[in-house]
Amino acid sequence: MDIVSLGIGLLSGAAGGNVAGSVMKSGMGTLGRSVTGIVGGTLLSFVGQYIGLGAADPMAGAGLNIGSIVSNVASGGIGGAILTFILGKIMK
């Protein structure tokens, strides 16, 4: 995972966590939703690249093509939302 993919996973995970937390009205607060989203988004973005969810070929060395950016944003946002949703339900 390169630094660009990591940054995209962090940002989109925080956004996904905040959106999911505000939709389900979790009591975690903005910081809690952001941290949970960052962890979930980065994990799914990282795992997604190695199990083939990403659009970029890891052997091609193309870290900044549009397919890999879109897939990192999507997997980061989804991962952040999923982990925030799970922890929000557990905390209630």
PDB file of N, CA and C in Angstrom:
ATOM      1  N   MET A   1       0.859  -1.176   0.000  1.00  0.00           N
ATOM      2  CA  MET A   1       0.000   0.000   0.000  1.00  0.00           C
ATOM      3  C   MET A   1       0.900   1.232   0.000  1.00  0.00           C
ATOM      4  N   ASP A   2       0.677   2.105  -0.948  1.00  0.00           N
ATOM      5  CA  ASP A   2       1.457   3.328  -1.009  1.00  0.00           C
ATOM      6  C   ASP A   2       0.802   4.422  -0.165  1.00  0.00           C
ATOM      7  N   ILE A   3       1.479   5.535  -0.048  1.00  0.00           N
ATOM      8  CA  ILE A   3       1.023   6.616   0.831  1.00  0.00           C
ATOM      9  C   ILE A   3      -0.261   7.259   0.316  1.00  0.00           C
ATOM     10  N   VAL A   4      -0.441   7.294  -0.995  1.00  0.00           N
ATOM     11  CA  VAL A   4      -1.659   7.871  -1.560  1.00  0.00           C
ATOM     12  C   VAL A   4      -2.863   7.000  -1.211  1.00  0.00           C
ATOM     13  N   SER A   5      -2.738   5.692  -1.363  1.00  0.00           N
ATOM     14  CA  SER A   5      -3.824   4.779  -1.021  1.00  0.00           C
ATOM     15  C   SER A   5      -4.138   4.841   0.467  1.00  0.00           C
ATOM     16  N   LEU A   6      -3.120   4.963   1.276  1.00  0.00           N
ATOM     17  CA  LEU A   6      -3.327   5.085   2.714  1.00  0.00           C
ATOM     18  C   LEU A   6      -4.095   6.362   3.048  1.00  0.00           C
ATOM     19  N   GLY A   7      -3.709   7.467   2.452  1.00  0.00           N
ATOM     20  CA  GLY A   7      -4.395   8.727   2.688  1.00  0.00           C
ATOM     21  C   GLY A   7      -5.844   8.694   2.232  1.00  0.00           C
ATOM     22  N   ILE A   8      -6.083   8.083   1.083  1.00  0.00           N
ATOM     23  CA  ILE A   8      -7.455   7.966   0.585  1.00  0.00           C
ATOM     24  C   ILE A   8      -8.279   7.090   1.517  1.00  0.00           C
ATOM     25  N   GLY A   9      -7.695   5.995   1.994  1.00  0.00           N
ATOM     26  CA  GLY A   9      -8.404   5.126   2.939  1.00  0.00           C
ATOM     27  C   GLY A   9      -8.723   5.831   4.241  1.00  0.00           C
ATOM     28  N   LEU A  10      -7.788   6.634   4.730  1.00  0.00           N
ATOM     29  CA  LEU A  10      -8.021   7.387   5.965  1.00  0.00           C
ATOM     30  C   LEU A  10      -9.154   8.397   5.811  1.00  0.00           C
ATOM     31  N   LEU A  11      -9.091   9.192   4.751  1.00  0.00           N
ATOM     32  CA  LEU A  11     -10.090  10.243   4.557  1.00  0.00           C
ATOM     33  C   LEU A  11     -11.474   9.686   4.244  1.00  0.00           C
ATOM     34  N   SER A  12     -11.528   8.718   3.353  1.00  0.00           N
ATOM     35  CA  SER A  12     -12.842   8.173   3.005  1.00  0.00           C
ATOM     36  C   SER A  12     -13.415   7.341   4.143  1.00  0.00           C
ATOM     37  N   GLY A  13     -12.558   6.711   4.937  1.00  0.00           N
ATOM     38  CA  GLY A  13     -13.036   5.979   6.112  1.00  0.00           C
ATOM     39  C   GLY A  13     -13.642   6.908   7.144  1.00  0.00           C
ATOM     40  N   ALA A  14     -12.986   8.042   7.381  1.00  0.00           N
ATOM     41  CA  ALA A  14     -13.531   9.025   8.322  1.00  0.00           C
ATOM     42  C   ALA A  14     -14.862   9.567   7.822  1.00  0.00           C
ATOM     43  N   ALA A  15     -14.952   9.834   6.534  1.00  0.00           N
ATOM     44  CA  ALA A  15     -16.216  10.333   5.973  1.00  0.00           C
ATOM     45  C   ALA A  15     -17.311   9.275   6.078  1.00  0.00           C
ATOM     46  N   GLY A  16     -16.985   8.035   5.734  1.00  0.00           N
ATOM     47  CA  GLY A  16     -17.974   6.957   5.829  1.00  0.00           C
ATOM     48  C   GLY A  16     -18.419   6.706   7.252  1.00  0.00           C
ATOM     49  N   GLY A  17     -17.486   6.778   8.190  1.00  0.00           N
ATOM     50  CA  GLY A  17     -17.834   6.595   9.591  1.00  0.00           C
ATOM     51  C   GLY A  17     -18.734   7.689  10.108  1.00  0.00           C
ATOM     52  N   ASN A  18     -18.466   8.929   9.723  1.00  0.00           N
ATOM     53  CA  ASN A  18     -19.306  10.042  10.162  1.00  0.00           C
ATOM     54  C   ASN A  18     -20.693   9.992   9.535  1.00  0.00           C
ATOM     55  N   VAL A  19     -20.771   9.614   8.276  1.00  0.00           N
ATOM     56  CA  VAL A  19     -22.084   9.508   7.628  1.00  0.00           C
ATOM     57  C   VAL A  19     -22.902   8.400   8.278  1.00  0.00           C
ATOM     58  N   ALA A  20     -22.292   7.227   8.466  1.00  0.00           N
ATOM     59  CA  ALA A  20     -23.022   6.109   9.075  1.00  0.00           C
ATOM     60  C   ALA A  20     -23.419   6.428  10.509  1.00  0.00           C
ATOM     61  N   GLY A  21     -22.542   7.058  11.262  1.00  0.00           N
ATOM     62  CA  GLY A  21     -22.848   7.392  12.648  1.00  0.00           C
ATOM     63  C   GLY A  21     -23.945   8.422  12.776  1.00  0.00           C
ATOM     64  N   SER A  22     -23.971   9.382  11.874  1.00  0.00           N
ATOM     65  CA  SER A  22     -25.018  10.399  11.954  1.00  0.00           C
ATOM     66  C   SER A  22     -26.358   9.864  11.463  1.00  0.00           C
ATOM     67  N   VAL A  23     -26.344   8.956  10.499  1.00  0.00           N
ATOM     68  CA  VAL A  23     -27.591   8.367  10.013  1.00  0.00           C
ATOM     69  C   VAL A  23     -28.239   7.505  11.093  1.00  0.00           C
ATOM     70  N   MET A  24     -27.409   6.702  11.785  1.00  0.00           N
ATOM     71  CA  MET A  24     -27.967   5.813  12.807  1.00  0.00           C
ATOM     72  C   MET A  24     -28.041   6.471  14.178  1.00  0.00           C
ATOM     73  N   LYS A  25     -27.633   7.714  14.267  1.00  0.00           N
ATOM     74  CA  LYS A  25     -27.674   8.502  15.500  1.00  0.00           C
ATOM     75  C   LYS A  25     -26.961   7.793  16.656  1.00  0.00           C
ATOM     76  N   SER A  26     -25.719   7.393  16.389  1.00  0.00           N
ATOM     77  CA  SER A  26     -24.919   6.743  17.433  1.00  0.00           C
ATOM     78  C   SER A  26     -24.458   7.789  18.441  1.00  0.00           C
ATOM     79  N   GLY A  27     -24.184   7.362  19.642  1.00  0.00           N
ATOM     80  CA  GLY A  27     -23.764   8.271  20.695  1.00  0.00           C
ATOM     81  C   GLY A  27     -22.264   8.428  20.797  1.00  0.00           C
ATOM     82  N   MET A  28     -21.540   8.084  19.735  1.00  0.00           N
ATOM     83  CA  MET A  28     -20.079   8.124  19.789  1.00  0.00           C
ATOM     84  C   MET A  28     -19.513   9.529  19.674  1.00  0.00           C
ATOM     85  N   GLY A  29     -20.211  10.429  19.061  1.00  0.00           N
ATOM     86  CA  GLY A  29     -19.666  11.756  18.830  1.00  0.00           C
ATOM     87  C   GLY A  29     -18.831  11.781  17.556  1.00  0.00           C
ATOM     88  N   THR A  30     -18.491  12.976  17.125  1.00  0.00           N
ATOM     89  CA  THR A  30     -17.773  13.134  15.867  1.00  0.00           C
ATOM     90  C   THR A  30     -16.385  12.499  15.913  1.00  0.00           C
ATOM     91  N   LEU A  31     -15.667  12.689  16.999  1.00  0.00           N
ATOM     92  CA  LEU A  31     -14.322  12.116  17.094  1.00  0.00           C
ATOM     93  C   LEU A  31     -14.367  10.593  17.121  1.00  0.00           C
ATOM     94  N   GLY A  32     -15.292  10.032  17.864  1.00  0.00           N
ATOM     95  CA  GLY A  32     -15.427   8.577  17.920  1.00  0.00           C
ATOM     96  C   GLY A  32     -15.799   7.979  16.585  1.00  0.00           C
ATOM     97  N   ARG A  33     -16.728   8.631  15.880  1.00  0.00           N
ATOM     98  CA  ARG A  33     -17.118   8.153  14.549  1.00  0.00           C
ATOM     99  C   ARG A  33     -15.965   8.276  13.569  1.00  0.00           C
ATOM    100  N   SER A  34     -15.194   9.356  13.675  1.00  0.00           N
ATOM    101  CA  SER A  34     -14.060   9.547  12.769  1.00  0.00           C
ATOM    102  C   SER A  34     -12.986   8.500  12.991  1.00  0.00           C
ATOM    103  N   VAL A  35     -12.636   8.255  14.250  1.00  0.00           N
ATOM    104  CA  VAL A  35     -11.589   7.271  14.550  1.00  0.00           C
ATOM    105  C   VAL A  35     -12.031   5.870  14.134  1.00  0.00           C
ATOM    106  N   THR A  36     -13.276   5.522  14.446  1.00  0.00           N
ATOM    107  CA  THR A  36     -13.789   4.209  14.054  1.00  0.00           C
ATOM    108  C   THR A  36     -13.819   4.081  12.536  1.00  0.00           C
ATOM    109  N   GLY A  37     -14.244   5.133  11.853  1.00  0.00           N
ATOM    110  CA  GLY A  37     -14.266   5.113  10.400  1.00  0.00           C
ATOM    111  C   GLY A  37     -12.885   5.020   9.783  1.00  0.00           C
ATOM    112  N   ILE A  38     -11.922   5.708  10.380  1.00  0.00           N
ATOM    113  CA  ILE A  38     -10.546   5.643   9.876  1.00  0.00           C
ATOM    114  C   ILE A  38     -10.002   4.226   9.984  1.00  0.00           C
ATOM    115  N   VAL A  39     -10.231   3.590  11.108  1.00  0.00           N
ATOM    116  CA  VAL A  39      -9.736   2.214  11.297  1.00  0.00           C
ATOM    117  C   VAL A  39     -10.410   1.273  10.307  1.00  0.00           C
ATOM    118  N   GLY A  40     -11.738   1.328  10.222  1.00  0.00           N
ATOM    119  CA  GLY A  40     -12.456   0.438   9.310  1.00  0.00           C
ATOM    120  C   GLY A  40     -12.146   0.707   7.856  1.00  0.00           C
ATOM    121  N   GLY A  41     -12.068   1.976   7.492  1.00  0.00           N
ATOM    122  CA  GLY A  41     -11.781   2.324   6.102  1.00  0.00           C
ATOM    123  C   GLY A  41     -10.388   1.941   5.664  1.00  0.00           C
ATOM    124  N   THR A  42      -9.419   2.156   6.538  1.00  0.00           N
ATOM    125  CA  THR A  42      -8.046   1.794   6.198  1.00  0.00           C
ATOM    126  C   THR A  42      -7.887   0.286   6.107  1.00  0.00           C
ATOM    127  N   LEU A  43      -8.517  -0.435   7.017  1.00  0.00           N
ATOM    128  CA  LEU A  43      -8.424  -1.900   6.974  1.00  0.00           C
ATOM    129  C   LEU A  43      -9.043  -2.475   5.710  1.00  0.00           C
ATOM    130  N   LEU A  44     -10.251  -2.036   5.369  1.00  0.00           N
ATOM    131  CA  LEU A  44     -10.886  -2.583   4.175  1.00  0.00           C
ATOM    132  C   LEU A  44     -10.171  -2.136   2.904  1.00  0.00           C
ATOM    133  N   SER A  45      -9.665  -0.926   2.878  1.00  0.00           N
ATOM    134  CA  SER A  45      -8.916  -0.463   1.722  1.00  0.00           C
ATOM    135  C   SER A  45      -7.631  -1.265   1.541  1.00  0.00           C
ATOM    136  N   PHE A  46      -6.954  -1.557   2.661  1.00  0.00           N
ATOM    137  CA  PHE A  46      -5.724  -2.338   2.630  1.00  0.00           C
ATOM    138  C   PHE A  46      -5.992  -3.778   2.204  1.00  0.00           C
ATOM    139  N   VAL A  47      -6.980  -4.396   2.814  1.00  0.00           N
ATOM    140  CA  VAL A  47      -7.307  -5.787   2.497  1.00  0.00           C
ATOM    141  C   VAL A  47      -7.850  -5.894   1.077  1.00  0.00           C
ATOM    142  N   GLY A  48      -8.650  -4.922   0.669  1.00  0.00           N
ATOM    143  CA  GLY A  48      -9.229  -4.949  -0.665  1.00  0.00           C
ATOM    144  C   GLY A  48      -8.212  -4.948  -1.784  1.00  0.00           C
ATOM    145  N   GLN A  49      -7.107  -4.276  -1.577  1.00  0.00           N
ATOM    146  CA  GLN A  49      -6.070  -4.259  -2.604  1.00  0.00           C
ATOM    147  C   GLN A  49      -5.429  -5.633  -2.776  1.00  0.00           C
ATOM    148  N   TYR A  50      -5.340  -6.381  -1.707  1.00  0.00           N
ATOM    149  CA  TYR A  50      -4.628  -7.651  -1.766  1.00  0.00           C
ATOM    150  C   TYR A  50      -5.514  -8.851  -2.058  1.00  0.00           C
ATOM    151  N   ILE A  51      -6.826  -8.677  -1.966  1.00  0.00           N
ATOM    152  CA  ILE A  51      -7.690  -9.790  -2.354  1.00  0.00           C
ATOM    153  C   ILE A  51      -8.343  -9.544  -3.708  1.00  0.00           C
ATOM    154  N   GLY A  52      -7.984  -8.465  -4.351  1.00  0.00           N
ATOM    155  CA  GLY A  52      -8.429  -8.226  -5.717  1.00  0.00           C
ATOM    156  C   GLY A  52      -9.650  -7.351  -5.867  1.00  0.00           C
ATOM    157  N   LEU A  53     -10.048  -6.611  -4.832  1.00  0.00           N
ATOM    158  CA  LEU A  53     -11.190  -5.714  -4.964  1.00  0.00           C
ATOM    159  C   LEU A  53     -10.828  -4.438  -5.704  1.00  0.00           C
ATOM    160  N   GLY A  54      -9.569  -4.076  -5.699  1.00  0.00           N
ATOM    161  CA  GLY A  54      -9.139  -2.846  -6.360  1.00  0.00           C
ATOM    162  C   GLY A  54      -9.095  -3.012  -7.864  1.00  0.00           C
ATOM    163  N   ALA A  55      -9.260  -1.906  -8.575  1.00  0.00           N
ATOM    164  CA  ALA A  55      -9.268  -1.960 -10.031  1.00  0.00           C
ATOM    165  C   ALA A  55      -7.856  -1.959 -10.599  1.00  0.00           C
ATOM    166  N   ALA A  56      -6.878  -1.620  -9.806  1.00  0.00           N
ATOM    167  CA  ALA A  56      -5.503  -1.532 -10.298  1.00  0.00           C
ATOM    168  C   ALA A  56      -4.768  -2.842 -10.070  1.00  0.00           C
ATOM    169  N   ASP A  57      -3.890  -3.164 -10.971  1.00  0.00           N
ATOM    170  CA  ASP A  57      -3.045  -4.336 -10.816  1.00  0.00           C
ATOM    171  C   ASP A  57      -1.872  -3.954  -9.925  1.00  0.00           C
ATOM    172  N   PRO A  58      -1.696  -4.613  -8.759  1.00  0.00           N
ATOM    173  CA  PRO A  58      -0.613  -4.207  -7.861  1.00  0.00           C
ATOM    174  C   PRO A  58       0.774  -4.407  -8.459  1.00  0.00           C
ATOM    175  N   MET A  59       0.897  -5.268  -9.443  1.00  0.00           N
ATOM    176  CA  MET A  59       2.188  -5.510 -10.068  1.00  0.00           C
ATOM    177  C   MET A  59       2.494  -4.490 -11.164  1.00  0.00           C
ATOM    178  N   ALA A  60       1.488  -3.742 -11.601  1.00  0.00           N
ATOM    179  CA  ALA A  60       1.696  -2.781 -12.685  1.00  0.00           C
ATOM    180  C   ALA A  60       2.351  -1.497 -12.198  1.00  0.00           C
ATOM    181  N   GLY A  61       2.276  -1.213 -10.917  1.00  0.00           N
ATOM    182  CA  GLY A  61       2.902  -0.027 -10.374  1.00  0.00           C
ATOM    183  C   GLY A  61       2.130   1.253 -10.614  1.00  0.00           C
ATOM    184  N   ALA A  62       0.879   1.139 -11.011  1.00  0.00           N
ATOM    185  CA  ALA A  62       0.074   2.324 -11.288  1.00  0.00           C
ATOM    186  C   ALA A  62      -0.765   2.652 -10.064  1.00  0.00           C
ATOM    187  N   GLY A  63      -0.253   3.496  -9.183  1.00  0.00           N
ATOM    188  CA  GLY A  63      -0.960   3.812  -7.957  1.00  0.00           C
ATOM    189  C   GLY A  63      -1.929   4.967  -8.086  1.00  0.00           C
ATOM    190  N   LEU A  64      -1.831   5.746  -9.135  1.00  0.00           N
ATOM    191  CA  LEU A  64      -2.667   6.937  -9.256  1.00  0.00           C
ATOM    192  C   LEU A  64      -3.569   6.911 -10.484  1.00  0.00           C
ATOM    193  N   ASN A  65      -4.045   5.743 -10.890  1.00  0.00           N
ATOM    194  CA  ASN A  65      -5.019   5.742 -11.967  1.00  0.00           C
ATOM    195  C   ASN A  65      -6.414   5.895 -11.382  1.00  0.00           C
ATOM    196  N   ILE A  66      -7.353   6.262 -12.200  1.00  0.00           N
ATOM    197  CA  ILE A  66      -8.692   6.597 -11.716  1.00  0.00           C
ATOM    198  C   ILE A  66      -9.392   5.384 -11.116  1.00  0.00           C
ATOM    199  N   GLY A  67      -9.138   4.209 -11.642  1.00  0.00           N
ATOM    200  CA  GLY A  67      -9.774   3.002 -11.113  1.00  0.00           C
ATOM    201  C   GLY A  67      -9.349   2.694  -9.692  1.00  0.00           C
ATOM    202  N   SER A  68      -8.065   2.830  -9.416  1.00  0.00           N
ATOM    203  CA  SER A  68      -7.597   2.536  -8.067  1.00  0.00           C
ATOM    204  C   SER A  68      -8.045   3.596  -7.065  1.00  0.00           C
ATOM    205  N   ILE A  69      -8.124   4.844  -7.508  1.00  0.00           N
ATOM    206  CA  ILE A  69      -8.589   5.909  -6.611  1.00  0.00           C
ATOM    207  C   ILE A  69     -10.058   5.694  -6.260  1.00  0.00           C
ATOM    208  N   VAL A  70     -10.881   5.398  -7.251  1.00  0.00           N
ATOM    209  CA  VAL A  70     -12.310   5.175  -7.010  1.00  0.00           C
ATOM    210  C   VAL A  70     -12.524   3.958  -6.117  1.00  0.00           C
ATOM    211  N   SER A  71     -11.788   2.885  -6.373  1.00  0.00           N
ATOM    212  CA  SER A  71     -11.966   1.691  -5.540  1.00  0.00           C
ATOM    213  C   SER A  71     -11.482   1.918  -4.116  1.00  0.00           C
ATOM    214  N   ASN A  72     -10.430   2.705  -3.924  1.00  0.00           N
ATOM    215  CA  ASN A  72      -9.977   3.026  -2.568  1.00  0.00           C
ATOM    216  C   ASN A  72     -10.973   3.908  -1.831  1.00  0.00           C
ATOM    217  N   VAL A  73     -11.567   4.863  -2.534  1.00  0.00           N
ATOM    218  CA  VAL A  73     -12.585   5.716  -1.910  1.00  0.00           C
ATOM    219  C   VAL A  73     -13.795   4.881  -1.516  1.00  0.00           C
ATOM    220  N   ALA A  74     -14.229   4.014  -2.412  1.00  0.00           N
ATOM    221  CA  ALA A  74     -15.403   3.183  -2.128  1.00  0.00           C
ATOM    222  C   ALA A  74     -15.139   2.206  -0.987  1.00  0.00           C
ATOM    223  N   SER A  75     -14.022   1.503  -1.043  1.00  0.00           N
ATOM    224  CA  SER A  75     -13.751   0.525   0.016  1.00  0.00           C
ATOM    225  C   SER A  75     -13.465   1.210   1.346  1.00  0.00           C
ATOM    226  N   GLY A  76     -12.826   2.362   1.325  1.00  0.00           N
ATOM    227  CA  GLY A  76     -12.586   3.103   2.560  1.00  0.00           C
ATOM    228  C   GLY A  76     -13.873   3.598   3.191  1.00  0.00           C
ATOM    229  N   GLY A  77     -14.748   4.146   2.379  1.00  0.00           N
ATOM    230  CA  GLY A  77     -16.027   4.633   2.890  1.00  0.00           C
ATOM    231  C   GLY A  77     -16.914   3.518   3.397  1.00  0.00           C
ATOM    232  N   ILE A  78     -16.952   2.422   2.665  1.00  0.00           N
ATOM    233  CA  ILE A  78     -17.771   1.284   3.083  1.00  0.00           C
ATOM    234  C   ILE A  78     -17.212   0.649   4.348  1.00  0.00           C
ATOM    235  N   GLY A  79     -15.891   0.486   4.401  1.00  0.00           N
ATOM    236  CA  GLY A  79     -15.275  -0.089   5.598  1.00  0.00           C
ATOM    237  C   GLY A  79     -15.490   0.769   6.832  1.00  0.00           C
ATOM    238  N   GLY A  80     -15.367   2.070   6.667  1.00  0.00           N
ATOM    239  CA  GLY A  80     -15.617   2.979   7.782  1.00  0.00           C
ATOM    240  C   GLY A  80     -17.057   2.939   8.242  1.00  0.00           C
ATOM    241  N   ALA A  81     -17.979   2.871   7.292  1.00  0.00           N
ATOM    242  CA  ALA A  81     -19.395   2.820   7.637  1.00  0.00           C
ATOM    243  C   ALA A  81     -19.745   1.511   8.340  1.00  0.00           C
ATOM    244  N   ILE A  82     -19.199   0.400   7.862  1.00  0.00           N
ATOM    245  CA  ILE A  82     -19.512  -0.904   8.457  1.00  0.00           C
ATOM    246  C   ILE A  82     -19.016  -0.977   9.894  1.00  0.00           C
ATOM    247  N   LEU A  83     -17.767  -0.603  10.121  1.00  0.00           N
ATOM    248  CA  LEU A  83     -17.228  -0.689  11.481  1.00  0.00           C
ATOM    249  C   LEU A  83     -17.935   0.280  12.426  1.00  0.00           C
ATOM    250  N   THR A  84     -18.262   1.469  11.951  1.00  0.00           N
ATOM    251  CA  THR A  84     -18.989   2.423  12.787  1.00  0.00           C
ATOM    252  C   THR A  84     -20.390   1.907  13.104  1.00  0.00           C
ATOM    253  N   PHE A  85     -21.037   1.299  12.135  1.00  0.00           N
ATOM    254  CA  PHE A  85     -22.362   0.730  12.361  1.00  0.00           C
ATOM    255  C   PHE A  85     -22.308  -0.385  13.408  1.00  0.00           C
ATOM    256  N   ILE A  86     -21.332  -1.268  13.272  1.00  0.00           N
ATOM    257  CA  ILE A  86     -21.206  -2.387  14.226  1.00  0.00           C
ATOM    258  C   ILE A  86     -20.936  -1.868  15.642  1.00  0.00           C
ATOM    259  N   LEU A  87     -19.969  -0.982  15.775  1.00  0.00           N
ATOM    260  CA  LEU A  87     -19.652  -0.466  17.107  1.00  0.00           C
ATOM    261  C   LEU A  87     -20.773   0.405  17.665  1.00  0.00           C
ATOM    262  N   GLY A  88     -21.481   1.103  16.799  1.00  0.00           N
ATOM    263  CA  GLY A  88     -22.612   1.901  17.258  1.00  0.00           C
ATOM    264  C   GLY A  88     -23.726   1.029  17.811  1.00  0.00           C
ATOM    265  N   LYS A  89     -23.967  -0.106  17.198  1.00  0.00           N
ATOM    266  CA  LYS A  89     -24.992  -1.044  17.682  1.00  0.00           C
ATOM    267  C   LYS A  89     -24.560  -1.712  18.991  1.00  0.00           C
ATOM    268  N   ILE A  90     -23.279  -2.013  19.107  1.00  0.00           N
ATOM    269  CA  ILE A  90     -22.764  -2.641  20.330  1.00  0.00           C
ATOM    270  C   ILE A  90     -22.852  -1.675  21.500  1.00  0.00           C
ATOM    271  N   MET A  91     -22.568  -0.396  21.263  1.00  0.00           N
ATOM    272  CA  MET A  91     -22.541   0.581  22.339  1.00  0.00           C
ATOM    273  C   MET A  91     -23.938   0.964  22.839  1.00  0.00           C
ATOM    274  N   LYS A  92     -24.978   0.710  22.053  1.00  0.00           N
ATOM    275  CA  LYS A  92     -26.336   1.074  22.482  1.00  0.00           C
ATOM    276  C   LYS A  92     -26.898   0.131  23.499  1.00  0.00           C
TER     277      LYS A  92
END
